[in-house]
Structures are given as structure tokens and as C-alpha cells.
Amino acid sequence: MESIKFTEEELGQLKALRAKYSELSHELGQVALNRYTLTNREKELHGQAAQVQGQEKTLADNLKTKYGNGQIDIDTGVFIPTK
């Protein structure tokens, strides 16, 4: 069987498609890597948020023990007891 050579235009089109697939594969890999990084960062932030919530609860419990029930105005630093 005799081989057939593509025209320059056809060969150019094939090479352009191959280059586009290569570019898309690279970009998809970058997206997957970014997703992985963001997922890990999100997990870290959830852990930090849980720590802050724990600290907030501990502080609230300590203030309640010291001052009793009431409201705190953080802007003025004033505690208003409730009866």
C-alpha cells in the first residue's frame, strides 16, 4: 500500500489541534492543582475557625463566671448586667 502525504494545510490543522489539546491538558492540570490547594486551605481555615469558636466560648464562660449574665459592648468596653 502506498503512503499518502497530507497537504501543508492539513498538516498545519492537525498540528494546531494537537497543540490546542496540549494547552488544554496543561490548563486542566493547573485547575486541578488549584482546586487541591484551595481544598486544603479551606480545611485549614475550618480548623482555625473551630479553634476561634472554642476560644470565644471559653472567654464567654470566664466572663460570665466573673461578671454574671449581661451584654458586652465591645466598642466601649462596657458590661451591662441583666437582672
N, C-alpha and C. Protein backbone atom coordinates (compact mmCIF):
# COMPACT_ATOMS: atom_id res chain seq x y z
N MET A 1 0.84 -1.18 0.00
CA MET A 1 0.00 0.00 0.00
C MET A 1 0.89 1.25 0.00
N GLU A 2 0.54 2.17 -0.77
CA GLU A 2 1.34 3.39 -0.93
C GLU A 2 0.92 4.42 0.12
N SER A 3 1.91 5.08 0.74
CA SER A 3 1.59 6.12 1.73
C SER A 3 1.18 7.40 1.02
N ILE A 4 0.35 8.16 1.71
CA ILE A 4 -0.16 9.41 1.15
C ILE A 4 0.28 10.53 2.07
N LYS A 5 0.81 11.55 1.50
CA LYS A 5 1.28 12.69 2.28
C LYS A 5 0.17 13.74 2.35
N PHE A 6 -0.03 14.25 3.59
CA PHE A 6 -1.01 15.31 3.78
C PHE A 6 -0.52 16.60 3.14
N THR A 7 -1.47 17.47 2.82
CA THR A 7 -1.09 18.78 2.32
C THR A 7 -0.55 19.60 3.48
N GLU A 8 0.15 20.64 3.19
CA GLU A 8 0.69 21.52 4.24
C GLU A 8 -0.44 22.09 5.10
N GLU A 9 -1.55 22.43 4.45
CA GLU A 9 -2.70 22.97 5.18
C GLU A 9 -3.27 21.93 6.14
N GLU A 10 -3.44 20.70 5.67
CA GLU A 10 -3.96 19.64 6.53
C GLU A 10 -3.02 19.34 7.69
N LEU A 11 -1.73 19.28 7.37
CA LEU A 11 -0.74 19.04 8.41
C LEU A 11 -0.73 20.17 9.43
N GLY A 12 -0.89 21.38 8.97
CA GLY A 12 -0.96 22.53 9.87
C GLY A 12 -2.18 22.45 10.78
N GLN A 13 -3.31 22.05 10.22
CA GLN A 13 -4.52 21.90 11.02
C GLN A 13 -4.35 20.81 12.08
N LEU A 14 -3.76 19.69 11.70
CA LEU A 14 -3.52 18.60 12.66
C LEU A 14 -2.59 19.06 13.79
N LYS A 15 -1.54 19.75 13.43
CA LYS A 15 -0.59 20.24 14.45
C LYS A 15 -1.24 21.27 15.36
N ALA A 16 -2.09 22.11 14.79
CA ALA A 16 -2.78 23.13 15.59
C ALA A 16 -3.72 22.46 16.59
N LEU A 17 -4.43 21.42 16.16
CA LEU A 17 -5.31 20.69 17.07
C LEU A 17 -4.51 20.00 18.18
N ARG A 18 -3.39 19.40 17.82
CA ARG A 18 -2.55 18.74 18.82
C ARG A 18 -2.03 19.76 19.83
N ALA A 19 -1.63 20.92 19.36
CA ALA A 19 -1.15 21.97 20.26
C ALA A 19 -2.27 22.46 21.18
N LYS A 20 -3.48 22.58 20.63
CA LYS A 20 -4.63 23.01 21.44
C LYS A 20 -4.94 21.98 22.53
N TYR A 21 -4.91 20.69 22.18
CA TYR A 21 -5.13 19.64 23.19
C TYR A 21 -4.06 19.69 24.28
N SER A 22 -2.84 19.92 23.87
CA SER A 22 -1.74 20.01 24.83
C SER A 22 -1.95 21.19 25.78
N GLU A 23 -2.34 22.32 25.23
CA GLU A 23 -2.61 23.53 26.02
C GLU A 23 -3.77 23.29 26.99
N LEU A 24 -4.84 22.67 26.50
CA LEU A 24 -5.99 22.38 27.36
C LEU A 24 -5.63 21.40 28.47
N SER A 25 -4.85 20.39 28.15
CA SER A 25 -4.43 19.43 29.16
C SER A 25 -3.63 20.11 30.25
N HIS A 26 -2.74 20.99 29.86
CA HIS A 26 -1.94 21.73 30.83
C HIS A 26 -2.82 22.61 31.71
N GLU A 27 -3.74 23.31 31.09
CA GLU A 27 -4.63 24.20 31.84
C GLU A 27 -5.54 23.41 32.79
N LEU A 28 -6.06 22.27 32.33
CA LEU A 28 -6.88 21.42 33.20
C LEU A 28 -6.06 20.92 34.39
N GLY A 29 -4.81 20.61 34.17
CA GLY A 29 -3.93 20.21 35.26
C GLY A 29 -3.75 21.33 36.27
N GLN A 30 -3.61 22.55 35.79
CA GLN A 30 -3.47 23.71 36.66
C GLN A 30 -4.74 23.92 37.49
N VAL A 31 -5.89 23.75 36.84
CA VAL A 31 -7.16 23.90 37.56
C VAL A 31 -7.26 22.85 38.67
N ALA A 32 -6.90 21.61 38.35
CA ALA A 32 -6.96 20.54 39.35
C ALA A 32 -6.00 20.85 40.51
N LEU A 33 -4.82 21.32 40.21
CA LEU A 33 -3.86 21.67 41.25
C LEU A 33 -4.36 22.83 42.11
N ASN A 34 -4.96 23.82 41.48
CA ASN A 34 -5.53 24.96 42.23
C ASN A 34 -6.67 24.49 43.13
N ARG A 35 -7.51 23.60 42.61
CA ARG A 35 -8.62 23.06 43.40
C ARG A 35 -8.08 22.32 44.62
N TYR A 36 -7.04 21.51 44.43
CA TYR A 36 -6.42 20.77 45.52
C TYR A 36 -5.87 21.73 46.58
N THR A 37 -5.18 22.75 46.13
CA THR A 37 -4.62 23.74 47.05
C THR A 37 -5.71 24.47 47.80
N LEU A 38 -6.77 24.88 47.10
CA LEU A 38 -7.87 25.59 47.75
C LEU A 38 -8.62 24.69 48.74
N THR A 39 -8.78 23.42 48.39
CA THR A 39 -9.46 22.49 49.29
C THR A 39 -8.67 22.34 50.58
N ASN A 40 -7.35 22.20 50.46
CA ASN A 40 -6.52 22.09 51.65
C ASN A 40 -6.56 23.37 52.48
N ARG A 41 -6.54 24.50 51.83
CA ARG A 41 -6.60 25.78 52.55
C ARG A 41 -7.94 25.93 53.25
N GLU A 42 -9.02 25.50 52.59
CA GLU A 42 -10.34 25.57 53.18
C GLU A 42 -10.40 24.71 54.45
N LYS A 43 -9.81 23.52 54.40
CA LYS A 43 -9.77 22.66 55.58
C LYS A 43 -9.01 23.33 56.72
N GLU A 44 -7.88 23.96 56.39
CA GLU A 44 -7.10 24.68 57.41
C GLU A 44 -7.93 25.79 58.05
N LEU A 45 -8.64 26.54 57.22
CA LEU A 45 -9.45 27.65 57.73
C LEU A 45 -10.61 27.15 58.59
N HIS A 46 -11.19 26.02 58.23
CA HIS A 46 -12.25 25.44 59.05
C HIS A 46 -11.69 25.07 60.43
N GLY A 47 -10.50 24.51 60.45
CA GLY A 47 -9.85 24.17 61.71
C GLY A 47 -9.57 25.40 62.55
N GLN A 48 -9.09 26.46 61.92
CA GLN A 48 -8.82 27.70 62.63
C GLN A 48 -10.11 28.31 63.16
N ALA A 49 -11.17 28.24 62.38
CA ALA A 49 -12.47 28.78 62.82
C ALA A 49 -12.97 28.01 64.04
N ALA A 50 -12.79 26.70 64.04
CA ALA A 50 -13.20 25.90 65.19
C ALA A 50 -12.40 26.28 66.43
N GLN A 51 -11.12 26.56 66.26
CA GLN A 51 -10.28 27.00 67.38
C GLN A 51 -10.77 28.33 67.93
N VAL A 52 -11.06 29.25 67.05
CA VAL A 52 -11.54 30.57 67.47
C VAL A 52 -12.88 30.44 68.20
N GLN A 53 -13.75 29.60 67.69
CA GLN A 53 -15.03 29.39 68.35
C GLN A 53 -14.82 28.81 69.76
N GLY A 54 -13.87 27.91 69.89
CA GLY A 54 -13.56 27.35 71.20
C GLY A 54 -13.03 28.41 72.15
N GLN A 55 -12.14 29.28 71.64
CA GLN A 55 -11.60 30.37 72.45
C GLN A 55 -12.71 31.34 72.85
N GLU A 56 -13.62 31.61 71.93
CA GLU A 56 -14.73 32.51 72.20
C GLU A 56 -15.62 31.94 73.31
N LYS A 57 -15.90 30.65 73.23
CA LYS A 57 -16.73 30.02 74.25
C LYS A 57 -16.04 30.05 75.61
N THR A 58 -14.76 29.75 75.64
CA THR A 58 -14.01 29.77 76.90
C THR A 58 -14.02 31.16 77.51
N LEU A 59 -13.78 32.17 76.69
CA LEU A 59 -13.78 33.55 77.18
C LEU A 59 -15.17 33.95 77.68
N ALA A 60 -16.21 33.59 76.92
CA ALA A 60 -17.57 33.92 77.34
C ALA A 60 -17.91 33.25 78.66
N ASP A 61 -17.51 32.00 78.81
CA ASP A 61 -17.76 31.29 80.08
C ASP A 61 -17.02 31.96 81.24
N ASN A 62 -15.77 32.35 81.00
CA ASN A 62 -14.98 33.02 82.04
C ASN A 62 -15.59 34.36 82.43
N LEU A 63 -16.01 35.13 81.43
CA LEU A 63 -16.63 36.44 81.71
C LEU A 63 -17.96 36.27 82.42
N LYS A 64 -18.70 35.27 82.05
CA LYS A 64 -19.99 35.02 82.70
C LYS A 64 -19.77 34.63 84.16
N THR A 65 -18.76 33.81 84.41
CA THR A 65 -18.44 33.43 85.79
C THR A 65 -18.01 34.65 86.61
N LYS A 66 -17.24 35.52 85.99
CA LYS A 66 -16.73 36.69 86.70
C LYS A 66 -17.79 37.78 86.88
N TYR A 67 -18.58 38.06 85.83
CA TYR A 67 -19.49 39.20 85.85
C TYR A 67 -20.98 38.82 85.91
N GLY A 68 -21.30 37.57 85.63
CA GLY A 68 -22.70 37.16 85.58
C GLY A 68 -23.27 37.34 84.19
N ASN A 69 -24.59 37.23 84.08
CA ASN A 69 -25.27 37.40 82.79
C ASN A 69 -25.33 38.87 82.43
N GLY A 70 -25.22 39.13 81.15
CA GLY A 70 -25.32 40.51 80.68
C GLY A 70 -24.91 40.63 79.23
N GLN A 71 -24.75 41.87 78.83
CA GLN A 71 -24.37 42.18 77.45
C GLN A 71 -23.04 42.93 77.48
N ILE A 72 -22.28 42.72 76.45
CA ILE A 72 -20.99 43.38 76.33
C ILE A 72 -21.04 44.31 75.14
N ASP A 73 -20.62 45.55 75.37
CA ASP A 73 -20.44 46.49 74.26
C ASP A 73 -18.93 46.55 74.00
N ILE A 74 -18.51 45.82 73.00
CA ILE A 74 -17.08 45.71 72.71
C ILE A 74 -16.49 47.06 72.32
N ASP A 75 -17.27 47.90 71.64
CA ASP A 75 -16.76 49.20 71.19
C ASP A 75 -16.41 50.11 72.37
N THR A 76 -17.21 50.04 73.43
CA THR A 76 -16.97 50.93 74.58
C THR A 76 -16.27 50.21 75.73
N GLY A 77 -16.25 48.87 75.68
CA GLY A 77 -15.64 48.10 76.75
C GLY A 77 -16.52 48.04 78.00
N VAL A 78 -17.82 48.21 77.84
CA VAL A 78 -18.75 48.28 78.97
C VAL A 78 -19.55 46.97 79.04
N PHE A 79 -19.72 46.48 80.27
CA PHE A 79 -20.56 45.31 80.52
C PHE A 79 -21.86 45.79 81.17
N ILE A 80 -22.97 45.36 80.65
CA ILE A 80 -24.28 45.78 81.17
C ILE A 80 -24.96 44.53 81.74
N PRO A 81 -25.02 44.43 83.07
CA PRO A 81 -25.64 43.24 83.66
C PRO A 81 -27.13 43.18 83.37
N THR A 82 -27.63 41.95 83.26
CA THR A 82 -29.08 41.76 83.11
C THR A 82 -29.61 41.23 84.43
N LYS A 83 -30.84 41.59 84.72
CA LYS A 83 -31.43 41.20 86.01
C LYS A 83 -32.22 39.95 85.90
